[in-house]
Amino acid sequence: MADGADAALPRRTPCIGVCSTTYGDLVCRGCKRFAHEIVQWNGYEASQQRTVWRRLETLRDASVATFAKVADEAKLSGVAARLRVPAKPAPSALGMAYETLRRASAAALPTELGLQPKPAVADLNVAGLFAAIDREYYARATAFYERSFRTRTH
């Protein structure tokens, strides 16, 4: 990425060190990339990497919005800063919520992070809410993969 465009990427790679593609998954349960994207990542041009990042961010944000909304962005930002959620490039508020939920104490309540859970998950702590969101994120990534790459045999 000699063109300097990598500076706009959130991190060098979406990998979070929990790769399930080594066990045969076509969509990683950790970073939600497709197996072929993981294998080819270092060979991708910056524009290809940005395209993958945008898809991941869109799916992640939609998954968070399914279960919660940011009720107090200042509170969320403060907690995110304490938990060392990377601030550059600036994630969306929903992206910040996802990363903060991932790092927060499992026993904490979402409201302590500035989040308002939807009624269906209002009784969950941070760990439960994150698990619900992450399952949704994986389901959306898998559906995207199947729409994009699966061939029909019928």
Protein backbone atom coordinates (compact mmCIF):
# COMPACT_ATOMS: atom_id res chain seq x y z
CA MET A 1 0.00 0.00 0.00
CA ALA A 2 2.60 2.43 -1.10
CA ASP A 3 0.00 5.01 -2.09
CA GLY A 4 -0.50 6.03 1.56
CA ALA A 5 -4.18 5.07 1.44
CA ASP A 6 -3.69 2.63 4.30
CA ALA A 7 -3.75 5.57 6.72
CA ALA A 8 -7.55 5.64 6.30
CA LEU A 9 -7.94 2.03 7.37
CA PRO A 10 -9.07 1.38 10.97
CA ARG A 11 -6.23 -1.11 11.54
CA ARG A 12 -3.83 -3.03 9.35
CA THR A 13 -6.19 -6.02 9.39
CA PRO A 14 -9.67 -6.80 10.74
CA CYS A 15 -8.29 -9.93 12.43
CA ILE A 16 -9.04 -10.19 16.15
CA GLY A 17 -7.12 -13.43 16.69
CA VAL A 18 -10.17 -15.71 16.83
CA CYS A 19 -10.10 -17.32 13.39
CA SER A 20 -12.63 -20.06 12.76
CA THR A 21 -11.74 -20.48 9.09
CA THR A 22 -8.94 -22.80 10.15
CA TYR A 23 -11.74 -25.16 11.26
CA GLY A 24 -13.54 -24.95 7.92
CA ASP A 25 -15.86 -21.96 8.33
CA LEU A 26 -16.27 -19.93 5.13
CA VAL A 27 -16.96 -16.83 7.25
CA CYS A 28 -14.70 -16.17 10.22
CA ARG A 29 -16.59 -16.04 13.52
CA GLY A 30 -13.99 -13.58 14.83
CA CYS A 31 -13.53 -10.84 12.21
CA LYS A 32 -16.45 -11.82 9.92
CA ARG A 33 -14.28 -11.79 6.78
CA PHE A 34 -14.64 -14.51 4.20
CA ALA A 35 -12.02 -17.28 4.18
CA HIS A 36 -10.65 -16.18 0.80
CA GLU A 37 -10.30 -12.59 2.06
CA ILE A 38 -8.26 -13.76 5.03
CA VAL A 39 -5.96 -15.80 2.81
CA GLN A 40 -5.52 -13.03 0.23
CA TRP A 41 -5.58 -10.00 2.59
CA ASN A 42 -1.90 -9.09 2.39
CA GLY A 43 -2.08 -9.16 -1.39
CA TYR A 44 -5.07 -6.84 -1.60
CA GLU A 45 -4.71 -3.27 -2.83
CA ALA A 46 -5.73 -0.56 -0.35
CA SER A 47 -8.99 -0.04 -2.25
CA GLN A 48 -9.87 -3.73 -1.91
CA GLN A 49 -9.13 -3.64 1.81
CA ARG A 50 -11.28 -0.50 2.21
CA THR A 51 -14.15 -2.27 0.43
CA VAL A 52 -13.97 -5.15 2.90
CA TRP A 53 -13.70 -2.76 5.87
CA ARG A 54 -16.81 -0.84 4.66
CA ARG A 55 -18.82 -4.06 4.37
CA LEU A 56 -17.75 -5.16 7.85
CA GLU A 57 -18.59 -1.76 9.34
CA THR A 58 -22.00 -1.68 7.65
CA LEU A 59 -22.91 -5.17 8.83
CA ARG A 60 -21.57 -4.48 12.35
CA ASP A 61 -23.47 -1.20 12.71
CA ALA A 62 -26.72 -2.75 11.47
CA SER A 63 -26.27 -5.60 13.96
CA VAL A 64 -25.75 -3.20 16.87
CA ALA A 65 -28.78 -1.14 15.80
CA THR A 66 -30.91 -4.29 15.85
CA PHE A 67 -30.43 -4.60 19.61
CA ALA A 68 -29.49 -1.18 20.99
CA LYS A 69 -29.13 2.50 20.34
CA VAL A 70 -26.59 4.98 21.59
CA ALA A 71 -28.49 6.99 24.20
CA ASP A 72 -25.56 9.01 25.56
CA GLU A 73 -22.70 9.41 23.11
CA ALA A 74 -20.58 11.40 25.59
CA LYS A 75 -20.84 8.62 28.18
CA LEU A 76 -20.05 6.01 25.53
CA SER A 77 -17.03 8.01 24.36
CA GLY A 78 -15.74 8.32 27.92
CA VAL A 79 -16.05 4.59 28.59
CA ALA A 80 -14.53 3.80 25.20
CA ALA A 81 -11.54 6.03 25.98
CA ARG A 82 -11.03 4.33 29.37
CA LEU A 83 -11.18 0.92 27.68
CA ARG A 84 -8.74 2.09 24.99
CA VAL A 85 -11.09 1.65 22.08
CA PRO A 86 -9.13 3.08 19.14
CA ALA A 87 -10.46 6.50 18.20
CA LYS A 88 -8.71 6.86 14.81
CA PRO A 89 -10.05 6.77 12.31
CA ALA A 90 -13.19 7.78 14.16
CA PRO A 91 -15.59 4.84 14.26
CA SER A 92 -19.31 5.40 13.98
CA ALA A 93 -21.16 5.66 17.28
CA LEU A 94 -22.51 2.14 16.69
CA GLY A 95 -19.00 0.89 15.90
CA MET A 96 -17.74 2.47 19.11
CA ALA A 97 -20.62 0.76 20.95
CA TYR A 98 -19.63 -2.65 19.51
CA GLU A 99 -15.96 -2.27 20.44
CA THR A 100 -16.83 -0.92 23.89
CA LEU A 101 -19.21 -3.81 24.54
CA ARG A 102 -16.46 -6.22 23.48
CA ARG A 103 -14.05 -4.75 26.05
CA ALA A 104 -16.37 -3.83 28.92
CA SER A 105 -16.84 -5.82 32.10
CA ALA A 106 -19.19 -8.70 31.36
CA ALA A 107 -21.32 -7.92 34.42
CA ALA A 108 -21.82 -4.23 33.55
CA LEU A 109 -25.15 -2.98 32.34
CA PRO A 110 -25.43 -1.50 28.84
CA THR A 111 -26.87 1.72 30.31
CA GLU A 112 -23.56 2.22 32.15
CA LEU A 113 -21.97 2.52 28.69
CA GLY A 114 -24.49 5.03 27.39
CA LEU A 115 -26.47 2.42 25.48
CA GLN A 116 -30.20 1.77 25.51
CA PRO A 117 -30.99 -1.87 24.72
CA LYS A 118 -34.12 -2.66 22.73
CA PRO A 119 -36.98 -4.18 24.80
CA ALA A 120 -36.29 -7.75 23.62
CA VAL A 121 -32.81 -7.65 25.21
CA ALA A 122 -33.38 -5.09 27.98
CA ASP A 123 -32.63 -7.62 30.72
CA LEU A 124 -29.18 -8.59 29.37
CA ASN A 125 -25.88 -7.47 30.83
CA VAL A 126 -23.02 -6.32 28.59
CA ALA A 127 -21.84 -9.88 27.89
CA GLY A 128 -25.32 -11.04 26.88
CA LEU A 129 -25.94 -8.00 24.71
CA PHE A 130 -22.57 -8.35 23.00
CA ALA A 131 -23.24 -12.06 22.37
CA ALA A 132 -26.62 -11.27 20.78
CA ILE A 133 -25.10 -8.55 18.60
CA ASP A 134 -22.17 -10.72 17.58
CA ARG A 135 -24.49 -13.61 16.60
CA GLU A 136 -26.49 -11.17 14.46
CA TYR A 137 -23.29 -9.80 12.90
CA TYR A 138 -22.13 -13.33 12.03
CA ALA A 139 -25.55 -14.21 10.59
CA ARG A 140 -25.51 -11.07 8.42
CA ALA A 141 -21.94 -11.77 7.24
CA THR A 142 -22.87 -15.36 6.41
CA ALA A 143 -25.98 -14.26 4.51
CA PHE A 144 -23.90 -11.74 2.56
CA TYR A 145 -21.40 -14.47 1.68
CA GLU A 146 -24.12 -16.85 0.57
CA ARG A 147 -25.81 -14.19 -1.60
CA SER A 148 -22.48 -13.22 -3.14
CA PHE A 149 -20.60 -16.47 -3.63
CA ARG A 150 -22.81 -19.52 -3.34
CA THR A 151 -23.85 -21.02 -6.65
CA ARG A 152 -27.25 -22.54 -7.00
CA THR A 153 -27.43 -26.14 -8.17
CA HIS A 154 -31.20 -26.21 -8.82
